[in-house]
Amino acid sequence: ADIANVADLPISYSALDKKKYIDFERGDFYIIADLIYTNKIQQVLARKDKGIYAPEDIKGKRVGLLRGTTADFFLDAFLTEYNLKASDIEVVNMGVFEQVEALVKGDLDVIFSWQPHILNAQKLLGDNAIILPTKLTYTTAWLSVVMKEYAEEHPEVLEKYLRAIYKANQFIKENREEAITIHAEMSDVDREVFASLWNDIDYKLSLSEALLTTLEDEARWIIRNKLADQTEVPNFLDFIYFDALEKVNPEGITIIR
């Protein structure tokens, strides 16, 4: 593929380690745009019958999450918020679909995940489910990424790609119900699930200062936990390609340069 769409944490990992996720040293990449803005997708869901009614109650519990994803970073921030330590819980590394099944069966007490998996589990658990509160405003990004060499050789392709995304975003704003139906059918997810989450996501092309802050925070977390050999936070401005978005949606660029 020439253009990839990926969450923010893998980008932070890859900026620190050129062999992350692959067995060879890759070239450098550019982020050409962030496709969404939301700070409500990451959530913590627990079972009440496990004695969990407040964040502090997860102490001593079995907690499911997928390591190396945004949920991993979110867990660390959540523990810090409530003065808990990693040793206070038993972390079970598990895929997001398996987490839902394990929580419903009672094999897990808590899951740190993202929508729509949280809502799916919540519906299956019914009144036994509880969303644990947090004051964190962790912003989830969905980034379009290309190799630097491709960006330099095909700038017109990137512009056309972003114009198509921009047009799709306009369709979403003007045709909410039809957009939900299309998304649900293409993703094979219950339409009711998408409808309940739709207002939590802002479909807007951007390159924001908030994105830089998130990437830097994640890089510090990776370094602090010795998950990469590099010990300095990268300058993420070196990984941003502005040209295409400047031509398509310049007001979406709020990065201070």
Protein backbone atom coordinates (compact mmCIF):
# COMPACT_ATOMS: atom_id res chain seq x y z
CA ALA A 1 0.00 0.00 0.00
CA ASP A 2 1.13 3.57 -0.66
CA ILE A 3 -1.08 5.18 2.00
CA ALA A 4 -1.80 3.62 5.40
CA ASN A 5 -4.27 4.64 8.11
CA VAL A 6 -3.15 3.92 11.65
CA ALA A 7 -3.69 4.98 15.27
CA ASP A 8 -1.28 7.36 17.00
CA LEU A 9 0.61 5.00 19.35
CA PRO A 10 2.13 2.83 16.58
CA ILE A 11 3.41 6.07 15.05
CA SER A 12 5.15 7.01 18.30
CA TYR A 13 6.68 3.54 18.52
CA SER A 14 7.83 3.68 14.89
CA ALA A 15 9.41 7.11 15.31
CA LEU A 16 11.57 5.64 18.08
CA ASP A 17 12.34 2.31 16.43
CA LYS A 18 12.67 1.80 12.68
CA LYS A 19 12.35 -1.98 13.11
CA LYS A 20 9.18 -1.86 15.19
CA TYR A 21 6.56 -4.22 13.70
CA ILE A 22 8.95 -5.40 10.94
CA ASP A 23 12.17 -7.45 10.70
CA PHE A 24 14.10 -4.91 8.61
CA GLU A 25 14.97 -1.23 8.98
CA ARG A 26 12.42 0.80 7.07
CA GLY A 27 12.73 4.29 5.65
CA ASP A 28 11.21 7.40 7.20
CA PHE A 29 7.54 8.28 6.96
CA TYR A 30 5.25 11.30 6.93
CA ILE A 31 1.90 11.93 8.61
CA ILE A 32 -0.19 13.75 6.00
CA ALA A 33 -3.40 14.20 8.05
CA ASP A 34 -5.42 13.21 11.08
CA LEU A 35 -8.82 11.94 9.93
CA ILE A 36 -10.84 12.15 13.16
CA TYR A 37 -10.96 13.90 16.52
CA THR A 38 -12.40 12.20 19.60
CA ASN A 39 -11.59 11.90 23.30
CA LYS A 40 -14.45 9.54 24.18
CA ILE A 41 -13.51 6.37 22.33
CA GLN A 42 -11.15 4.90 24.96
CA GLN A 43 -13.07 3.63 27.99
CA VAL A 44 -12.85 1.30 30.98
CA LEU A 45 -15.61 -1.27 31.47
CA ALA A 46 -15.98 -3.50 34.53
CA ARG A 47 -18.31 -6.08 36.07
CA LYS A 48 -20.24 -4.96 39.14
CA ASP A 49 -20.52 -8.54 40.44
CA LYS A 50 -16.72 -8.52 40.82
CA GLY A 51 -17.10 -5.80 43.44
CA ILE A 52 -16.12 -2.98 41.10
CA TYR A 53 -18.03 0.26 41.50
CA ALA A 54 -15.20 2.83 41.44
CA PRO A 55 -11.80 3.08 39.71
CA GLU A 56 -9.92 2.14 42.88
CA ASP A 57 -11.83 -1.16 43.02
CA ILE A 58 -9.82 -2.62 40.12
CA LYS A 59 -6.99 -3.31 42.57
CA GLY A 60 -6.32 -7.05 42.61
CA LYS A 61 -8.50 -7.65 39.54
CA ARG A 62 -7.85 -9.30 36.18
CA VAL A 63 -7.63 -6.55 33.56
CA GLY A 64 -7.80 -7.24 29.85
CA LEU A 65 -6.18 -5.09 27.18
CA LEU A 66 -4.22 -5.41 23.95
CA ARG A 67 -0.57 -4.56 24.61
CA GLY A 68 1.13 -2.12 22.27
CA THR A 69 -2.09 -0.26 21.46
CA THR A 70 -3.56 3.03 22.64
CA ALA A 71 -5.34 1.09 25.42
CA ASP A 72 -1.91 0.24 26.87
CA PHE A 73 -0.99 3.92 27.14
CA PHE A 74 -4.48 4.74 28.44
CA LEU A 75 -4.15 2.13 31.22
CA ASP A 76 -0.92 3.71 32.46
CA ALA A 77 -2.49 7.16 32.58
CA PHE A 78 -5.59 5.78 34.33
CA LEU A 79 -3.52 4.08 37.03
CA THR A 80 -1.61 7.31 37.62
CA GLU A 81 -4.86 9.27 37.89
CA TYR A 82 -6.08 7.04 40.73
CA ASN A 83 -2.74 6.48 42.49
CA LEU A 84 -2.60 2.83 41.50
CA LYS A 85 0.46 0.82 40.43
CA ALA A 86 0.83 -1.70 37.63
CA SER A 87 1.57 -4.33 40.28
CA ASP A 88 -1.88 -3.68 41.81
CA ILE A 89 -3.61 -5.45 38.92
CA GLU A 90 -3.17 -8.58 36.82
CA VAL A 91 -2.92 -7.58 33.16
CA VAL A 92 -4.08 -10.13 30.59
CA ASN A 93 -2.88 -9.39 27.05
CA MET A 94 -5.78 -10.24 24.76
CA GLY A 95 -7.31 -9.21 21.44
CA VAL A 96 -10.19 -6.75 21.55
CA PHE A 97 -12.82 -9.26 20.38
CA GLU A 98 -11.60 -11.89 22.84
CA GLN A 99 -11.74 -9.33 25.65
CA VAL A 100 -15.48 -8.86 25.17
CA GLU A 101 -16.10 -12.60 25.31
CA ALA A 102 -13.84 -13.08 28.35
CA LEU A 103 -15.47 -10.21 30.25
CA VAL A 104 -18.96 -11.53 29.56
CA LYS A 105 -17.91 -15.03 30.70
CA GLY A 106 -16.34 -13.63 33.87
CA ASP A 107 -12.79 -14.64 32.97
CA LEU A 108 -11.88 -10.94 33.11
CA ASP A 109 -13.04 -8.37 35.64
CA VAL A 110 -12.20 -5.21 33.68
CA ILE A 111 -11.26 -4.28 30.13
CA PHE A 112 -9.45 -1.22 28.77
CA SER A 113 -10.58 -0.92 25.17
CA TRP A 114 -12.21 1.33 22.62
CA GLN A 115 -15.52 1.63 20.86
CA PRO A 116 -17.47 -0.18 19.55
CA HIS A 117 -16.06 -3.06 21.65
CA ILE A 118 -16.92 -1.34 24.93
CA LEU A 119 -20.54 -0.81 23.89
CA ASN A 120 -20.85 -4.39 22.61
CA ALA A 121 -19.68 -5.76 25.96
CA GLN A 122 -21.88 -3.30 27.84
CA LYS A 123 -24.98 -4.47 25.97
CA LEU A 124 -24.19 -8.13 26.70
CA LEU A 125 -23.57 -7.50 30.40
CA GLY A 126 -26.65 -5.33 30.86
CA ASP A 127 -27.09 -3.94 34.38
CA ASN A 128 -23.96 -5.78 35.52
CA ALA A 129 -21.76 -3.42 33.46
CA ILE A 130 -20.22 -0.23 34.77
CA ILE A 131 -18.14 2.38 32.93
CA LEU A 132 -15.43 3.64 35.27
CA PRO A 133 -15.05 7.44 35.26
CA THR A 134 -11.91 9.30 34.32
CA LYS A 135 -11.00 12.96 33.96
CA LEU A 136 -8.47 12.10 31.28
CA THR A 137 -8.97 13.74 27.91
CA TYR A 138 -6.89 11.31 25.90
CA THR A 139 -7.39 12.19 22.27
CA THR A 140 -7.52 9.30 19.85
CA ALA A 141 -6.15 9.99 16.38
CA TRP A 142 -6.51 8.08 13.12
CA LEU A 143 -3.62 9.10 10.92
CA SER A 144 -2.93 8.85 7.21
CA VAL A 145 0.73 7.95 6.71
CA VAL A 146 3.03 7.57 3.70
CA MET A 147 6.71 6.95 3.17
CA LYS A 148 8.68 10.17 2.69
CA GLU A 149 9.96 9.05 -0.68
CA TYR A 150 6.40 8.50 -1.93
CA ALA A 151 5.27 11.93 -0.69
CA GLU A 152 8.12 13.64 -2.48
CA GLU A 153 7.50 11.75 -5.73
CA HIS A 154 3.66 11.84 -5.77
CA PRO A 155 2.40 15.03 -4.10
CA GLU A 156 -0.54 15.19 -6.51
CA VAL A 157 -1.77 11.77 -5.36
CA LEU A 158 -1.77 12.87 -1.72
CA GLU A 159 -3.73 16.00 -2.58
CA LYS A 160 -6.34 14.00 -4.50
CA TYR A 161 -6.59 11.49 -1.64
CA LEU A 162 -7.22 14.21 0.95
CA ARG A 163 -9.74 15.94 -1.32
CA ALA A 164 -11.65 12.66 -1.49
CA ILE A 165 -11.60 12.38 2.31
CA TYR A 166 -12.70 16.02 2.61
CA LYS A 167 -15.62 15.34 0.25
CA ALA A 168 -16.57 12.25 2.28
CA ASN A 169 -16.54 14.33 5.46
CA GLN A 170 -18.92 16.82 3.87
CA PHE A 171 -21.22 13.94 2.94
CA ILE A 172 -21.13 12.70 6.57
CA LYS A 173 -22.15 16.13 7.88
CA GLU A 174 -24.95 16.58 5.39
CA ASN A 175 -26.28 12.99 5.33
CA ARG A 176 -25.95 11.67 8.88
CA GLU A 177 -28.40 8.77 8.71
CA GLU A 178 -27.22 7.51 5.33
CA ALA A 179 -23.58 7.81 6.44
CA ILE A 180 -24.28 5.72 9.55
CA THR A 181 -25.97 3.05 7.44
CA ILE A 182 -23.09 2.90 4.95
CA HIS A 183 -20.49 2.70 7.72
CA ALA A 184 -22.39 -0.04 9.57
CA GLU A 185 -22.82 -2.14 6.43
CA MET A 186 -19.19 -1.76 5.33
CA SER A 187 -17.89 -2.58 8.83
CA ASP A 188 -20.42 -5.36 9.52
CA VAL A 189 -21.31 -3.70 12.84
CA ASP A 190 -24.81 -3.21 14.26
CA ARG A 191 -26.22 0.10 12.99
CA GLU A 192 -27.55 0.90 16.46
CA VAL A 193 -23.99 0.76 17.81
CA PHE A 194 -22.70 3.25 15.25
CA ALA A 195 -25.66 5.57 15.76
CA SER A 196 -25.02 5.77 19.51
CA LEU A 197 -21.34 6.62 18.99
CA TRP A 198 -21.65 8.92 15.97
CA ASN A 199 -21.75 12.22 17.85
CA ASP A 200 -18.60 11.32 19.81
CA ILE A 201 -16.44 11.50 16.68
CA ASP A 202 -15.56 14.62 14.72
CA TYR A 203 -14.71 13.72 11.14
CA LYS A 204 -12.36 16.52 10.24
CA LEU A 205 -9.06 16.62 8.38
CA SER A 206 -6.42 18.22 10.57
CA LEU A 207 -2.81 18.49 11.67
CA SER A 208 -3.15 19.89 15.17
CA GLU A 209 -0.91 20.96 18.03
CA ALA A 210 -2.90 18.50 20.16
CA LEU A 211 -1.68 15.67 17.91
CA LEU A 212 1.94 16.68 18.48
CA THR A 213 1.34 16.76 22.24
CA THR A 214 -0.18 13.27 22.17
CA LEU A 215 2.72 11.83 20.15
CA GLU A 216 5.28 13.42 22.47
CA ASP A 217 3.48 12.15 25.59
CA GLU A 218 3.38 8.65 24.14
CA ALA A 219 7.07 8.78 23.23
CA ARG A 220 7.95 9.78 26.82
CA TRP A 221 5.85 6.88 28.10
CA ILE A 222 7.61 4.43 25.74
CA ILE A 223 11.03 5.70 26.83
CA ARG A 224 10.14 5.69 30.54
CA ASN A 225 8.96 2.08 30.31
CA LYS A 226 12.06 1.08 28.31
CA LEU A 227 9.96 -0.14 25.38
CA ALA A 228 12.50 1.29 22.91
CA ASP A 229 16.27 1.75 22.94
CA GLN A 230 16.13 5.44 22.05
CA THR A 231 16.19 7.78 25.05
CA GLU A 232 15.21 11.12 23.48
CA VAL A 233 11.78 12.22 22.33
CA PRO A 234 11.83 12.71 18.53
CA ASN A 235 10.99 16.03 16.93
CA PHE A 236 7.65 14.97 15.46
CA LEU A 237 7.58 18.01 13.20
CA ASP A 238 10.10 16.05 11.11
CA PHE A 239 7.36 13.47 10.51
CA ILE A 240 4.67 15.92 9.36
CA TYR A 241 3.94 16.63 5.69
CA PHE A 242 1.98 19.88 5.41
CA ASP A 243 1.77 20.47 1.67
CA ALA A 244 -1.24 18.35 0.76
CA LEU A 245 -3.48 19.50 3.63
CA GLU A 246 -2.49 23.13 3.07
CA LYS A 247 -4.06 22.84 -0.39
CA VAL A 248 -7.16 20.94 0.75
CA ASN A 249 -8.09 22.22 4.22
CA PRO A 250 -5.60 24.83 5.47
CA GLU A 251 -7.81 25.85 8.42
CA GLY A 252 -7.32 22.32 9.79
CA ILE A 253 -3.62 23.02 10.40
CA THR A 254 -3.05 24.40 13.90
CA ILE A 255 0.47 23.10 14.51
CA ILE A 256 2.76 25.92 15.58
CA ARG A 257 5.73 26.08 13.22
